[in-house]
PDB file of N, CA and C in Angstrom:
ATOM      1  N   MET A   1     -53.948 -51.643 -31.001  1.00  0.00           N
ATOM      2  CA  MET A   1     -53.449 -51.055 -31.747  1.00  0.00           C
ATOM      3  C   MET A   1     -54.469 -49.504 -31.532  1.00  0.00           C
ATOM      4  N   CYS A   2     -52.844 -48.683 -31.751  1.00  0.00           N
ATOM      5  CA  CYS A   2     -53.390 -47.180 -31.658  1.00  0.00           C
ATOM      6  C   CYS A   2     -53.638 -46.247 -33.030  1.00  0.00           C
ATOM      7  N   ASN A   3     -55.018 -45.706 -33.092  1.00  0.00           N
ATOM      8  CA  ASN A   3     -54.894 -44.665 -34.314  1.00  0.00           C
ATOM      9  C   ASN A   3     -55.328 -43.068 -34.149  1.00  0.00           C
ATOM     10  N   LEU A   4     -54.759 -42.411 -34.960  1.00  0.00           N
ATOM     11  CA  LEU A   4     -54.879 -40.921 -34.813  1.00  0.00           C
ATOM     12  C   LEU A   4     -56.445 -40.690 -34.508  1.00  0.00           C
ATOM     13  N   GLU A   5     -56.957 -41.489 -35.214  1.00  0.00           N
ATOM     14  CA  GLU A   5     -58.744 -41.056 -35.091  1.00  0.00           C
ATOM     15  C   GLU A   5     -58.993 -41.227 -34.171  1.00  0.00           C
ATOM     16  N   LEU A   6     -59.041 -42.113 -33.288  1.00  0.00           N
ATOM     17  CA  LEU A   6     -59.273 -42.889 -31.873  1.00  0.00           C
ATOM     18  C   LEU A   6     -58.785 -41.897 -31.006  1.00  0.00           C
ATOM     19  N   GLU A   7     -57.449 -41.469 -30.972  1.00  0.00           N
ATOM     20  CA  GLU A   7     -57.032 -40.776 -29.865  1.00  0.00           C
ATOM     21  C   GLU A   7     -57.521 -39.488 -30.193  1.00  0.00           C
ATOM     22  N   LEU A   8     -57.686 -38.631 -30.950  1.00  0.00           N
ATOM     23  CA  LEU A   8     -58.023 -37.544 -31.433  1.00  0.00           C
ATOM     24  C   LEU A   8     -60.213 -37.610 -30.619  1.00  0.00           C
ATOM     25  N   ARG A   9     -60.358 -38.670 -31.162  1.00  0.00           N
ATOM     26  CA  ARG A   9     -61.953 -38.610 -30.133  1.00  0.00           C
ATOM     27  C   ARG A   9     -62.018 -39.360 -29.014  1.00  0.00           C
ATOM     28  N   LYS A  10     -61.197 -39.690 -28.299  1.00  0.00           N
ATOM     29  CA  LYS A  10     -61.020 -39.814 -26.697  1.00  0.00           C
ATOM     30  C   LYS A  10     -60.446 -38.382 -26.277  1.00  0.00           C
ATOM     31  N   VAL A  11     -59.760 -37.224 -27.074  1.00  0.00           N
ATOM     32  CA  VAL A  11     -59.862 -35.691 -26.396  1.00  0.00           C
ATOM     33  C   VAL A  11     -61.469 -35.070 -26.754  1.00  0.00           C
ATOM     34  N   LYS A  12     -61.867 -35.589 -27.537  1.00  0.00           N
ATOM     35  CA  LYS A  12     -63.020 -34.167 -28.140  1.00  0.00           C
ATOM     36  C   LYS A  12     -63.992 -35.124 -27.035  1.00  0.00           C
ATOM     37  N   ASN A  13     -64.081 -36.458 -26.618  1.00  0.00           N
ATOM     38  CA  ASN A  13     -65.081 -36.749 -25.486  1.00  0.00           C
ATOM     39  C   ASN A  13     -64.684 -36.400 -24.047  1.00  0.00           C
ATOM     40  N   PHE A  14     -62.928 -36.241 -23.937  1.00  0.00           N
ATOM     41  CA  PHE A  14     -62.757 -35.479 -22.545  1.00  0.00           C
ATOM     42  C   PHE A  14     -63.452 -34.334 -22.584  1.00  0.00           C
ATOM     43  N   VAL A  15     -63.224 -33.446 -23.530  1.00  0.00           N
ATOM     44  CA  VAL A  15     -63.712 -31.892 -24.078  1.00  0.00           C
ATOM     45  C   VAL A  15     -64.987 -32.350 -23.358  1.00  0.00           C
ATOM     46  N   GLU A  16     -66.013 -32.401 -24.300  1.00  0.00           N
ATOM     47  CA  GLU A  16     -67.110 -32.470 -24.090  1.00  0.00           C
ATOM     48  C   GLU A  16     -67.738 -32.599 -22.436  1.00  0.00           C
ATOM     49  N   ILE A  17     -66.496 -33.808 -21.929  1.00  0.00           N
ATOM     50  CA  ILE A  17     -67.848 -33.926 -20.304  1.00  0.00           C
ATOM     51  C   ILE A  17     -66.886 -32.949 -19.584  1.00  0.00           C
ATOM     52  N   ASN A  18     -65.796 -32.576 -19.548  1.00  0.00           N
ATOM     53  CA  ASN A  18     -64.975 -31.689 -18.387  1.00  0.00           C
ATOM     54  C   ASN A  18     -63.570 -31.096 -19.514  1.00  0.00           C
ATOM     55  N   TYR A  19     -64.384 -29.561 -19.963  1.00  0.00           N
ATOM     56  CA  TYR A  19     -63.314 -29.318 -21.026  1.00  0.00           C
ATOM     57  C   TYR A  19     -61.964 -28.636 -19.864  1.00  0.00           C
ATOM     58  N   ASP A  20     -60.717 -28.247 -20.060  1.00  0.00           N
ATOM     59  CA  ASP A  20     -59.624 -28.014 -19.256  1.00  0.00           C
ATOM     60  C   ASP A  20     -58.961 -27.853 -20.536  1.00  0.00           C
ATOM     61  N   ALA A  21     -58.373 -26.402 -20.563  1.00  0.00           N
ATOM     62  CA  ALA A  21     -57.452 -26.470 -21.785  1.00  0.00           C
ATOM     63  C   ALA A  21     -56.138 -26.990 -21.487  1.00  0.00           C
ATOM     64  N   ASP A  22     -55.476 -26.551 -20.924  1.00  0.00           N
ATOM     65  CA  ASP A  22     -54.648 -27.458 -20.021  1.00  0.00           C
ATOM     66  C   ASP A  22     -54.395 -28.692 -20.668  1.00  0.00           C
ATOM     67  N   GLU A  23     -55.267 -29.418 -20.314  1.00  0.00           N
ATOM     68  CA  GLU A  23     -55.245 -30.921 -20.669  1.00  0.00           C
ATOM     69  C   GLU A  23     -55.231 -31.339 -21.259  1.00  0.00           C
ATOM     70  N   VAL A  24     -56.324 -30.841 -22.749  1.00  0.00           N
ATOM     71  CA  VAL A  24     -56.509 -30.479 -24.098  1.00  0.00           C
ATOM     72  C   VAL A  24     -54.950 -29.953 -24.905  1.00  0.00           C
ATOM     73  N   ALA A  25     -54.370 -29.568 -24.058  1.00  0.00           N
ATOM     74  CA  ALA A  25     -53.225 -28.878 -24.992  1.00  0.00           C
ATOM     75  C   ALA A  25     -52.212 -30.040 -24.731  1.00  0.00           C
ATOM     76  N   SER A  26     -51.819 -30.706 -23.085  1.00  0.00           N
ATOM     77  CA  SER A  26     -50.959 -31.997 -22.792  1.00  0.00           C
ATOM     78  C   SER A  26     -51.497 -33.590 -23.810  1.00  0.00           C
ATOM     79  N   GLN A  27     -52.943 -33.400 -24.232  1.00  0.00           N
ATOM     80  CA  GLN A  27     -53.074 -34.697 -24.715  1.00  0.00           C
ATOM     81  C   GLN A  27     -52.827 -34.286 -26.261  1.00  0.00           C
ATOM     82  N   CYS A  28     -52.808 -32.817 -26.523  1.00  0.00           N
ATOM     83  CA  CYS A  28     -52.889 -32.669 -28.395  1.00  0.00           C
ATOM     84  C   CYS A  28     -51.236 -33.065 -28.097  1.00  0.00           C
ATOM     85  N   MET A  29     -49.985 -32.383 -27.533  1.00  0.00           N
ATOM     86  CA  MET A  29     -49.180 -33.176 -27.765  1.00  0.00           C
ATOM     87  C   MET A  29     -48.614 -34.037 -27.607  1.00  0.00           C
ATOM     88  N   ARG A  30     -49.222 -35.249 -26.912  1.00  0.00           N
ATOM     89  CA  ARG A  30     -49.281 -36.537 -27.109  1.00  0.00           C
ATOM     90  C   ARG A  30     -48.934 -37.199 -27.971  1.00  0.00           C
ATOM     91  N   ILE A  31     -50.556 -36.494 -28.858  1.00  0.00           N
ATOM     92  CA  ILE A  31     -50.881 -37.423 -29.963  1.00  0.00           C
ATOM     93  C   ILE A  31     -49.879 -36.988 -31.433  1.00  0.00           C
ATOM     94  N   TYR A  32     -49.279 -35.144 -31.147  1.00  0.00           N
ATOM     95  CA  TYR A  32     -48.349 -34.813 -31.794  1.00  0.00           C
ATOM     96  C   TYR A  32     -47.197 -35.524 -31.991  1.00  0.00           C
ATOM     97  N   ASN A  33     -46.866 -35.959 -31.063  1.00  0.00           N
ATOM     98  CA  ASN A  33     -45.706 -36.638 -30.944  1.00  0.00           C
ATOM     99  C   ASN A  33     -45.865 -37.844 -31.386  1.00  0.00           C
ATOM    100  N   HIS A  34     -46.718 -38.618 -31.417  1.00  0.00           N
ATOM    101  CA  HIS A  34     -46.864 -40.195 -31.421  1.00  0.00           C
ATOM    102  C   HIS A  34     -47.272 -40.376 -32.904  1.00  0.00           C
ATOM    103  N   PHE A  35     -48.066 -39.055 -33.826  1.00  0.00           N
ATOM    104  CA  PHE A  35     -48.850 -38.756 -35.301  1.00  0.00           C
ATOM    105  C   PHE A  35     -48.098 -37.895 -36.040  1.00  0.00           C
ATOM    106  N   SER A  36     -47.291 -37.744 -35.483  1.00  0.00           N
ATOM    107  CA  SER A  36     -46.634 -35.730 -35.885  1.00  0.00           C
ATOM    108  C   SER A  36     -46.477 -36.274 -37.896  1.00  0.00           C
ATOM    109  N   SER A  37     -46.166 -37.648 -38.251  1.00  0.00           N
ATOM    110  CA  SER A  37     -45.888 -37.837 -39.781  1.00  0.00           C
ATOM    111  C   SER A  37     -47.007 -37.648 -40.503  1.00  0.00           C
ATOM    112  N   GLU A  38     -48.612 -37.643 -39.578  1.00  0.00           N
ATOM    113  CA  GLU A  38     -50.225 -37.811 -40.068  1.00  0.00           C
ATOM    114  C   GLU A  38     -50.425 -36.490 -40.641  1.00  0.00           C
ATOM    115  N   PHE A  39     -49.777 -35.654 -40.018  1.00  0.00           N
ATOM    116  CA  PHE A  39     -50.192 -34.118 -39.771  1.00  0.00           C
ATOM    117  C   PHE A  39     -49.181 -33.409 -40.983  1.00  0.00           C
ATOM    118  N   SER A  40     -50.902 -32.714 -41.874  1.00  0.00           N
ATOM    119  CA  SER A  40     -50.022 -31.899 -43.165  1.00  0.00           C
ATOM    120  C   SER A  40     -50.721 -30.604 -43.199  1.00  0.00           C
ATOM    121  N   GLY A  41     -50.311 -29.769 -43.907  1.00  0.00           N
ATOM    122  CA  GLY A  41     -51.567 -28.389 -44.159  1.00  0.00           C
ATOM    123  C   GLY A  41     -51.857 -28.161 -42.692  1.00  0.00           C
ATOM    124  N   ARG A  42     -53.241 -27.348 -43.542  1.00  0.00           N
ATOM    125  CA  ARG A  42     -54.100 -27.256 -42.490  1.00  0.00           C
ATOM    126  C   ARG A  42     -54.438 -27.906 -41.034  1.00  0.00           C
ATOM    127  N   SER A  43     -54.180 -29.343 -41.190  1.00  0.00           N
ATOM    128  CA  SER A  43     -54.017 -30.118 -40.059  1.00  0.00           C
ATOM    129  C   SER A  43     -53.609 -29.890 -39.543  1.00  0.00           C
ATOM    130  N   HIS A  44     -51.991 -29.839 -39.519  1.00  0.00           N
ATOM    131  CA  HIS A  44     -50.702 -29.912 -38.549  1.00  0.00           C
ATOM    132  C   HIS A  44     -51.008 -28.116 -38.205  1.00  0.00           C
ATOM    133  N   ASN A  45     -51.480 -27.317 -38.720  1.00  0.00           N
ATOM    134  CA  ASN A  45     -51.782 -25.718 -38.357  1.00  0.00           C
ATOM    135  C   ASN A  45     -52.879 -25.814 -36.978  1.00  0.00           C
ATOM    136  N   GLU A  46     -53.431 -26.830 -37.426  1.00  0.00           N
ATOM    137  CA  GLU A  46     -55.003 -26.985 -36.250  1.00  0.00           C
ATOM    138  C   GLU A  46     -54.464 -27.237 -34.736  1.00  0.00           C
ATOM    139  N   ILE A  47     -53.669 -28.847 -35.332  1.00  0.00           N
ATOM    140  CA  ILE A  47     -53.339 -29.488 -33.926  1.00  0.00           C
ATOM    141  C   ILE A  47     -52.509 -28.207 -33.149  1.00  0.00           C
ATOM    142  N   MET A  48     -51.604 -27.766 -33.735  1.00  0.00           N
ATOM    143  CA  MET A  48     -50.541 -26.771 -32.825  1.00  0.00           C
ATOM    144  C   MET A  48     -51.365 -25.497 -32.371  1.00  0.00           C
ATOM    145  N   ARG A  49     -52.724 -24.838 -32.819  1.00  0.00           N
ATOM    146  CA  ARG A  49     -53.392 -24.152 -32.332  1.00  0.00           C
ATOM    147  C   ARG A  49     -53.929 -25.022 -30.892  1.00  0.00           C
ATOM    148  N   LEU A  50     -53.937 -26.133 -31.008  1.00  0.00           N
ATOM    149  CA  LEU A  50     -54.661 -26.857 -29.329  1.00  0.00           C
ATOM    150  C   LEU A  50     -53.597 -27.260 -28.910  1.00  0.00           C
ATOM    151  N   ILE A  51     -52.277 -27.686 -29.361  1.00  0.00           N
ATOM    152  CA  ILE A  51     -51.749 -27.293 -28.343  1.00  0.00           C
ATOM    153  C   ILE A  51     -50.822 -26.163 -27.814  1.00  0.00           C
ATOM    154  N   ALA A  52     -50.724 -25.240 -28.387  1.00  0.00           N
ATOM    155  CA  ALA A  52     -50.439 -23.622 -27.624  1.00  0.00           C
ATOM    156  C   ALA A  52     -51.787 -23.436 -26.916  1.00  0.00           C
ATOM    157  N   MET A  53     -52.727 -23.957 -25.931  1.00  0.00           N
ATOM    158  CA  MET A  53     -53.677 -23.531 -25.470  1.00  0.00           C
ATOM    159  C   MET A  53     -52.729 -23.449 -24.001  1.00  0.00           C
ATOM    160  N   ASP A  54     -52.301 -24.002 -23.660  1.00  0.00           N
ATOM    161  CA  ASP A  54     -51.069 -24.321 -22.418  1.00  0.00           C
ATOM    162  C   ASP A  54     -50.373 -23.171 -22.351  1.00  0.00           C
ATOM    163  N   MET A  55     -50.321 -21.722 -23.028  1.00  0.00           N
ATOM    164  CA  MET A  55     -49.607 -20.696 -23.326  1.00  0.00           C
ATOM    165  C   MET A  55     -50.070 -19.610 -22.913  1.00  0.00           C
ATOM    166  N   GLY A  56     -51.286 -19.671 -22.487  1.00  0.00           N
ATOM    167  CA  GLY A  56     -52.127 -18.635 -21.780  1.00  0.00           C
ATOM    168  C   GLY A  56     -53.304 -18.435 -21.970  1.00  0.00           C
ATOM    169  N   GLU A  57     -54.180 -17.653 -21.297  1.00  0.00           N
ATOM    170  CA  GLU A  57     -55.430 -17.064 -21.993  1.00  0.00           C
ATOM    171  C   GLU A  57     -56.284 -16.781 -23.365  1.00  0.00           C
ATOM    172  N   GLU A  58     -54.998 -16.185 -23.670  1.00  0.00           N
ATOM    173  CA  GLU A  58     -55.243 -15.720 -24.927  1.00  0.00           C
ATOM    174  C   GLU A  58     -54.794 -16.581 -26.001  1.00  0.00           C
ATOM    175  N   PHE A  59     -54.733 -17.659 -25.780  1.00  0.00           N
ATOM    176  CA  PHE A  59     -54.816 -18.922 -27.063  1.00  0.00           C
ATOM    177  C   PHE A  59     -55.334 -19.738 -26.105  1.00  0.00           C
ATOM    178  N   ASP A  60     -56.210 -20.174 -25.214  1.00  0.00           N
ATOM    179  CA  ASP A  60     -57.502 -20.823 -25.262  1.00  0.00           C
ATOM    180  C   ASP A  60     -58.697 -20.374 -26.373  1.00  0.00           C
ATOM    181  N   LEU A  61     -58.986 -21.447 -26.482  1.00  0.00           N
ATOM    182  CA  LEU A  61     -59.792 -21.307 -27.636  1.00  0.00           C
ATOM    183  C   LEU A  61     -61.411 -21.176 -27.319  1.00  0.00           C
ATOM    184  N   GLY A  62     -61.488 -21.739 -26.331  1.00  0.00           N
ATOM    185  CA  GLY A  62     -62.732 -22.026 -25.598  1.00  0.00           C
ATOM    186  C   GLY A  62     -63.122 -23.198 -26.044  1.00  0.00           C
ATOM    187  N   LYS A  63     -64.548 -23.835 -24.999  1.00  0.00           N
ATOM    188  CA  LYS A  63     -64.492 -25.236 -25.313  1.00  0.00           C
ATOM    189  C   LYS A  63     -65.051 -25.538 -27.039  1.00  0.00           C
ATOM    190  N   ASP A  64     -66.140 -24.846 -27.024  1.00  0.00           N
ATOM    191  CA  ASP A  64     -67.029 -24.746 -28.713  1.00  0.00           C
ATOM    192  C   ASP A  64     -66.089 -24.426 -29.854  1.00  0.00           C
ATOM    193  N   GLU A  65     -64.873 -24.055 -29.998  1.00  0.00           N
ATOM    194  CA  GLU A  65     -63.898 -23.959 -31.112  1.00  0.00           C
ATOM    195  C   GLU A  65     -62.724 -25.087 -30.931  1.00  0.00           C
ATOM    196  N   THR A  66     -62.838 -25.468 -29.569  1.00  0.00           N
ATOM    197  CA  THR A  66     -61.585 -26.766 -29.363  1.00  0.00           C
ATOM    198  C   THR A  66     -62.689 -27.855 -30.132  1.00  0.00           C
ATOM    199  N   LEU A  67     -64.288 -28.230 -29.334  1.00  0.00           N
ATOM    200  CA  LEU A  67     -64.596 -29.162 -30.479  1.00  0.00           C
ATOM    201  C   LEU A  67     -64.848 -29.002 -31.994  1.00  0.00           C
ATOM    202  N   LYS A  68     -64.911 -27.838 -32.241  1.00  0.00           N
ATOM    203  CA  LYS A  68     -64.940 -27.846 -33.944  1.00  0.00           C
ATOM    204  C   LYS A  68     -63.676 -27.989 -34.496  1.00  0.00           C
ATOM    205  N   VAL A  69     -62.240 -27.486 -34.106  1.00  0.00           N
ATOM    206  CA  VAL A  69     -61.049 -27.846 -34.003  1.00  0.00           C
ATOM    207  C   VAL A  69     -60.933 -29.996 -33.997  1.00  0.00           C
ATOM    208  N   LEU A  70     -61.723 -29.980 -32.768  1.00  0.00           N
ATOM    209  CA  LEU A  70     -61.534 -31.547 -33.118  1.00  0.00           C
ATOM    210  C   LEU A  70     -62.109 -32.341 -34.089  1.00  0.00           C
ATOM    211  N   GLU A  71     -63.378 -31.894 -34.376  1.00  0.00           N
ATOM    212  CA  GLU A  71     -63.856 -32.885 -35.317  1.00  0.00           C
ATOM    213  C   GLU A  71     -63.432 -32.281 -36.920  1.00  0.00           C
ATOM    214  N   PHE A  72     -62.839 -31.348 -37.140  1.00  0.00           N
ATOM    215  CA  PHE A  72     -61.847 -31.162 -38.103  1.00  0.00           C
ATOM    216  C   PHE A  72     -60.764 -32.054 -38.540  1.00  0.00           C
ATOM    217  N   LEU A  73     -60.114 -32.588 -37.212  1.00  0.00           N
ATOM    218  CA  LEU A  73     -58.964 -32.917 -37.228  1.00  0.00           C
ATOM    219  C   LEU A  73     -59.356 -34.667 -37.226  1.00  0.00           C
ATOM    220  N   ILE A  74     -60.447 -34.730 -36.750  1.00  0.00           N
ATOM    221  CA  ILE A  74     -61.325 -36.174 -36.692  1.00  0.00           C
ATOM    222  C   ILE A  74     -61.755 -36.692 -38.452  1.00  0.00           C
ATOM    223  N   ASP A  75     -62.014 -35.330 -39.039  1.00  0.00           N
ATOM    224  CA  ASP A  75     -63.191 -36.183 -40.582  1.00  0.00           C
ATOM    225  C   ASP A  75     -61.691 -36.240 -41.013  1.00  0.00           C
ATOM    226  N   GLN A  76     -60.279 -35.452 -40.821  1.00  0.00           N
ATOM    227  CA  GLN A  76     -59.386 -35.284 -41.934  1.00  0.00           C
ATOM    228  C   GLN A  76     -58.833 -36.780 -41.987  1.00  0.00           C
ATOM    229  N   ASN A  77     -58.711 -37.332 -40.513  1.00  0.00           N
ATOM    230  CA  ASN A  77     -58.085 -38.608 -40.304  1.00  0.00           C
ATOM    231  C   ASN A  77     -58.994 -39.735 -40.173  1.00  0.00           C
ATOM    232  N   ARG A  78     -60.350 -39.590 -40.676  1.00  0.00           N
ATOM    233  CA  ARG A  78     -61.006 -40.935 -40.720  1.00  0.00           C
ATOM    234  C   ARG A  78     -60.539 -41.840 -41.050  1.00  0.00           C
ATOM    235  N   VAL A  79     -60.883 -42.817 -40.450  1.00  0.00           N
ATOM    236  CA  VAL A  79     -60.348 -44.327 -41.082  1.00  0.00           C
ATOM    237  C   VAL A  79     -61.286 -44.988 -41.486  1.00  0.00           C
ATOM    238  N   LEU A  80     -61.491 -45.478 -43.149  1.00  0.00           N
ATOM    239  CA  LEU A  80     -62.372 -45.820 -43.684  1.00  0.00           C
ATOM    240  C   LEU A  80     -62.381 -47.439 -44.136  1.00  0.00           C
TER     241      LEU A  80
END
Protein backbone atom coordinates (compact mmCIF):
# COMPACT_ATOMS: atom_id res chain seq x y z
CA MET A 1 0.00 0.00 0.00
CA CYS A 2 1.26 3.41 -0.95
CA ASN A 3 0.47 6.52 1.06
CA LEU A 4 1.41 10.14 0.68
CA GLU A 5 3.32 10.44 3.95
CA LEU A 6 5.47 7.42 3.10
CA GLU A 7 6.27 8.76 -0.37
CA LEU A 8 7.24 12.16 1.04
CA ARG A 9 9.48 10.48 3.61
CA LYS A 10 11.26 8.61 0.82
CA VAL A 11 12.02 11.91 -0.92
CA LYS A 12 13.21 13.43 2.36
CA ASN A 13 15.55 10.49 2.93
CA PHE A 14 16.92 10.92 -0.60
CA VAL A 15 17.54 14.64 0.01
CA GLU A 16 19.38 13.94 3.26
CA ILE A 17 21.71 11.47 1.53
CA ASN A 18 22.13 12.85 -1.98
CA TYR A 19 20.52 16.23 -2.74
CA ASP A 20 19.74 16.67 -6.43
CA ALA A 21 17.14 19.37 -7.22
CA ASP A 22 16.14 17.85 -10.57
CA GLU A 23 15.60 14.42 -9.04
CA VAL A 24 13.61 15.91 -6.15
CA ALA A 25 11.42 17.77 -8.66
CA SER A 26 10.88 14.57 -10.64
CA GLN A 27 9.96 12.55 -7.55
CA CYS A 28 7.62 15.29 -6.34
CA MET A 29 5.90 15.44 -9.74
CA ARG A 30 5.33 11.69 -9.57
CA ILE A 31 3.88 12.08 -6.06
CA TYR A 32 1.69 14.99 -7.15
CA ASN A 33 0.37 13.04 -10.14
CA HIS A 34 -0.60 10.17 -7.86
CA PHE A 35 -1.92 12.14 -4.87
CA SER A 36 -3.05 15.49 -6.36
CA SER A 37 -6.44 15.36 -4.66
CA GLU A 38 -4.76 15.22 -1.24
CA PHE A 39 -3.00 18.58 -1.65
CA SER A 40 -4.82 21.80 -0.85
CA GLY A 41 -3.97 25.35 0.12
CA ARG A 42 -0.45 25.79 1.39
CA SER A 43 0.43 22.12 0.84
CA HIS A 44 -0.36 22.51 -2.86
CA ASN A 45 1.80 25.64 -3.08
CA GLU A 46 4.71 23.94 -1.33
CA ILE A 47 4.71 20.82 -3.52
CA MET A 48 4.59 23.11 -6.56
CA ARG A 49 7.72 24.91 -5.28
CA LEU A 50 9.52 21.56 -5.17
CA ILE A 51 8.28 20.53 -8.61
CA ALA A 52 9.46 23.86 -10.08
CA MET A 53 13.06 23.21 -9.05
CA ASP A 54 13.76 21.55 -12.40
CA MET A 55 13.08 24.86 -14.19
CA GLY A 56 16.51 26.29 -13.43
CA GLU A 57 18.86 27.42 -10.69
CA GLU A 58 16.68 30.40 -9.77
CA PHE A 59 14.00 27.93 -8.63
CA ASP A 60 16.38 25.67 -6.66
CA LEU A 61 15.48 25.97 -2.98
CA GLY A 62 18.69 24.41 -1.72
CA LYS A 63 18.99 21.39 0.52
CA ASP A 64 17.97 23.03 3.82
CA GLU A 65 14.87 24.76 2.44
CA THR A 66 13.88 21.61 0.54
CA LEU A 67 14.06 19.62 3.77
CA LYS A 68 11.92 22.24 5.56
CA VAL A 69 9.28 22.07 2.83
CA LEU A 70 9.27 18.27 2.91
CA GLU A 71 8.97 18.26 6.72
CA PHE A 72 6.00 20.64 6.44
CA LEU A 73 4.33 18.40 3.85
CA ILE A 74 4.96 15.30 5.95
CA ASP A 75 3.47 17.00 9.01
CA GLN A 76 0.41 18.04 7.01
CA ASN A 77 -0.13 14.49 5.78
CA ARG A 78 0.81 12.49 8.86
CA VAL A 79 -1.19 9.30 9.24
CA LEU A 80 -2.26 8.88 12.85
